[in-house]
Amino acid sequence: MFKCGVCGYIHEGSAAPVNCPKCGAPQEKFSQLTEEAANLVEKSRVTNDIHVQMLAVLENVIALAEEGREEDLDPGCNKVFDAIKNSAIEYRQSIKAEIQGHMSKGKWG
């Protein structure tokens, strides 16, 4: 694996690309990841994908809770929709923070 020193793009292959597919940086801006760093990226891919999928689900939960709240059927329903929306927003932000942590530790790619 090779990492672009300009934008962080990770390329898999036996050599760095001539130009970065993301930012266009030349090949000399790439550095080869150590075996340890490459293994960390590989191991984290499953978890990172799960986080991304959960973000999409939580966005749907928030939208559904807002839709239910707009119906304003009764106080009990509104309470449930408000609680679910608030929890989904908190979990969404927690996932974003976790992804940011993965990125800062090189566990993304």
C-alpha atoms as a PDB file:
ATOM      1  CA  MET A   1       0.000   0.000   0.000  1.00  0.00           C
ATOM      2  CA  PHE A   2       1.133   3.504  -0.823  1.00  0.00           C
ATOM      3  CA  LYS A   3      -0.161   6.697   0.783  1.00  0.00           C
ATOM      4  CA  CYS A   4      -0.315  10.084  -0.890  1.00  0.00           C
ATOM      5  CA  GLY A   5       1.506  12.628   1.242  1.00  0.00           C
ATOM      6  CA  VAL A   6      -0.705  15.422  -0.063  1.00  0.00           C
ATOM      7  CA  CYS A   7      -4.261  14.134   0.449  1.00  0.00           C
ATOM      8  CA  GLY A   8      -3.905  10.793   2.278  1.00  0.00           C
ATOM      9  CA  TYR A   9      -5.278   8.623  -0.538  1.00  0.00           C
ATOM     10  CA  ILE A  10      -4.219   4.993  -0.108  1.00  0.00           C
ATOM     11  CA  HIS A  11      -3.307   3.061  -3.239  1.00  0.00           C
ATOM     12  CA  GLU A  12      -3.053  -0.717  -3.315  1.00  0.00           C
ATOM     13  CA  GLY A  13      -0.549  -2.172  -5.729  1.00  0.00           C
ATOM     14  CA  SER A  14       3.067  -3.062  -6.278  1.00  0.00           C
ATOM     15  CA  ALA A  15       3.977   0.573  -6.991  1.00  0.00           C
ATOM     16  CA  ALA A  16       2.517   4.004  -6.376  1.00  0.00           C
ATOM     17  CA  PRO A  17       0.422   5.421  -9.239  1.00  0.00           C
ATOM     18  CA  VAL A  18       1.971   7.952 -11.604  1.00  0.00           C
ATOM     19  CA  ASN A  19      -0.454  10.553 -10.251  1.00  0.00           C
ATOM     20  CA  CYS A  20      -2.787  10.438  -7.280  1.00  0.00           C
ATOM     21  CA  PRO A  21      -6.311   9.601  -8.472  1.00  0.00           C
ATOM     22  CA  LYS A  22      -7.757  11.954  -5.857  1.00  0.00           C
ATOM     23  CA  CYS A  23      -5.589  15.071  -5.919  1.00  0.00           C
ATOM     24  CA  GLY A  24      -3.285  14.585  -8.907  1.00  0.00           C
ATOM     25  CA  ALA A  25      -0.065  14.700  -6.869  1.00  0.00           C
ATOM     26  CA  PRO A  26       2.926  13.115  -8.625  1.00  0.00           C
ATOM     27  CA  GLN A  27       4.208   9.629  -7.761  1.00  0.00           C
ATOM     28  CA  GLU A  28       7.090  10.982  -5.665  1.00  0.00           C
ATOM     29  CA  LYS A  29       4.569  12.322  -3.144  1.00  0.00           C
ATOM     30  CA  PHE A  30       3.595   8.717  -2.270  1.00  0.00           C
ATOM     31  CA  SER A  31       5.254   6.710   0.465  1.00  0.00           C
ATOM     32  CA  GLN A  32       4.952   2.988   1.005  1.00  0.00           C
ATOM     33  CA  LEU A  33       3.136   2.026   4.199  1.00  0.00           C
ATOM     34  CA  THR A  34       4.960  -0.191   6.616  1.00  0.00           C
ATOM     35  CA  GLU A  35       3.629  -3.715   6.932  1.00  0.00           C
ATOM     36  CA  GLU A  36       2.240  -2.789  10.352  1.00  0.00           C
ATOM     37  CA  ALA A  37       0.424   0.288   8.994  1.00  0.00           C
ATOM     38  CA  ALA A  38      -0.953  -1.671   6.028  1.00  0.00           C
ATOM     39  CA  ASN A  39      -2.220  -4.409   8.351  1.00  0.00           C
ATOM     40  CA  LEU A  40      -3.910  -1.774  10.521  1.00  0.00           C
ATOM     41  CA  VAL A  41      -5.714  -0.379   7.476  1.00  0.00           C
ATOM     42  CA  GLU A  42      -6.799  -3.879   6.408  1.00  0.00           C
ATOM     43  CA  LYS A  43      -8.071  -4.808   9.874  1.00  0.00           C
ATOM     44  CA  SER A  44     -10.046  -1.601  10.261  1.00  0.00           C
ATOM     45  CA  ARG A  45     -11.864  -1.759   6.920  1.00  0.00           C
ATOM     46  CA  VAL A  46     -14.667  -4.012   8.179  1.00  0.00           C
ATOM     47  CA  THR A  47     -15.359  -1.822  11.210  1.00  0.00           C
ATOM     48  CA  ASN A  48     -15.126   1.372   9.173  1.00  0.00           C
ATOM     49  CA  ASP A  49     -17.633   0.008   6.649  1.00  0.00           C
ATOM     50  CA  ILE A  50     -20.003  -0.895   9.485  1.00  0.00           C
ATOM     51  CA  HIS A  51     -19.708   2.632  10.891  1.00  0.00           C
ATOM     52  CA  VAL A  52     -20.532   4.147   7.499  1.00  0.00           C
ATOM     53  CA  GLN A  53     -23.543   1.859   7.063  1.00  0.00           C
ATOM     54  CA  MET A  54     -24.761   2.711  10.562  1.00  0.00           C
ATOM     55  CA  LEU A  55     -24.525   6.427   9.744  1.00  0.00           C
ATOM     56  CA  ALA A  56     -26.862   5.877   6.792  1.00  0.00           C
ATOM     57  CA  VAL A  57     -29.316   3.937   8.976  1.00  0.00           C
ATOM     58  CA  LEU A  58     -29.258   6.648  11.632  1.00  0.00           C
ATOM     59  CA  GLU A  59     -29.981   9.325   9.013  1.00  0.00           C
ATOM     60  CA  ASN A  60     -33.072   7.314   8.049  1.00  0.00           C
ATOM     61  CA  VAL A  61     -34.085   6.956  11.708  1.00  0.00           C
ATOM     62  CA  ILE A  62     -33.806  10.725  12.189  1.00  0.00           C
ATOM     63  CA  ALA A  63     -35.906  11.383   9.075  1.00  0.00           C
ATOM     64  CA  LEU A  64     -38.568   8.885  10.178  1.00  0.00           C
ATOM     65  CA  ALA A  65     -38.714  10.370  13.675  1.00  0.00           C
ATOM     66  CA  GLU A  66     -39.152  13.841  12.177  1.00  0.00           C
ATOM     67  CA  GLU A  67     -41.894  12.540   9.892  1.00  0.00           C
ATOM     68  CA  GLY A  68     -43.674  10.912  12.824  1.00  0.00           C
ATOM     69  CA  ARG A  69     -43.346  14.087  14.882  1.00  0.00           C
ATOM     70  CA  GLU A  70     -44.926  16.116  12.082  1.00  0.00           C
ATOM     71  CA  GLU A  71     -48.020  13.900  12.323  1.00  0.00           C
ATOM     72  CA  ASP A  72     -48.412  15.099  15.930  1.00  0.00           C
ATOM     73  CA  LEU A  73     -50.794  12.228  16.719  1.00  0.00           C
ATOM     74  CA  ASP A  74     -50.536  12.355  20.498  1.00  0.00           C
ATOM     75  CA  PRO A  75     -48.089  13.227  23.304  1.00  0.00           C
ATOM     76  CA  GLY A  76     -46.982   9.595  23.732  1.00  0.00           C
ATOM     77  CA  CYS A  77     -46.022   9.240  20.093  1.00  0.00           C
ATOM     78  CA  ASN A  78     -44.294  12.612  20.097  1.00  0.00           C
ATOM     79  CA  LYS A  79     -42.270  11.625  23.170  1.00  0.00           C
ATOM     80  CA  VAL A  80     -41.101   8.410  21.475  1.00  0.00           C
ATOM     81  CA  PHE A  81     -40.209  10.192  18.227  1.00  0.00           C
ATOM     82  CA  ASP A  82     -38.303  12.931  20.078  1.00  0.00           C
ATOM     83  CA  ALA A  83     -36.359  10.421  22.186  1.00  0.00           C
ATOM     84  CA  ILE A  84     -35.468   8.274  19.186  1.00  0.00           C
ATOM     85  CA  LYS A  85     -34.352  11.296  17.162  1.00  0.00           C
ATOM     86  CA  ASN A  86     -32.188  12.592  20.017  1.00  0.00           C
ATOM     87  CA  SER A  87     -30.577   9.182  20.537  1.00  0.00           C
ATOM     88  CA  ALA A  88     -29.940   8.761  16.818  1.00  0.00           C
ATOM     89  CA  ILE A  89     -28.271  12.189  16.679  1.00  0.00           C
ATOM     90  CA  GLU A  90     -26.031  11.289  19.652  1.00  0.00           C
ATOM     91  CA  TYR A  91     -25.063   7.948  18.114  1.00  0.00           C
ATOM     92  CA  ARG A  92     -24.423   9.610  14.760  1.00  0.00           C
ATOM     93  CA  GLN A  93     -22.049  12.085  16.381  1.00  0.00           C
ATOM     94  CA  SER A  94     -20.328   9.298  18.329  1.00  0.00           C
ATOM     95  CA  ILE A  95     -19.736   7.359  15.125  1.00  0.00           C
ATOM     96  CA  LYS A  96     -18.327  10.453  13.423  1.00  0.00           C
ATOM     97  CA  ALA A  97     -15.941  10.963  16.344  1.00  0.00           C
ATOM     98  CA  GLU A  98     -14.884   7.305  16.173  1.00  0.00           C
ATOM     99  CA  ILE A  99     -14.245   7.572  12.427  1.00  0.00           C
ATOM    100  CA  GLN A 100     -12.190  10.729  13.023  1.00  0.00           C
ATOM    101  CA  GLY A 101     -10.167   8.800  15.598  1.00  0.00           C
ATOM    102  CA  HIS A 102      -9.597   5.975  13.122  1.00  0.00           C
ATOM    103  CA  MET A 103      -8.426   8.477  10.517  1.00  0.00           C
ATOM    104  CA  SER A 104      -6.004  10.188  12.893  1.00  0.00           C
ATOM    105  CA  LYS A 105      -4.527   6.797  13.866  1.00  0.00           C
ATOM    106  CA  GLY A 106      -4.081   5.682  10.258  1.00  0.00           C
ATOM    107  CA  LYS A 107      -6.887   3.118  10.536  1.00  0.00           C
ATOM    108  CA  TRP A 108      -8.698   4.293   7.432  1.00  0.00           C
ATOM    109  CA  GLY A 109      -8.091   3.557   3.818  1.00  0.00           C
END
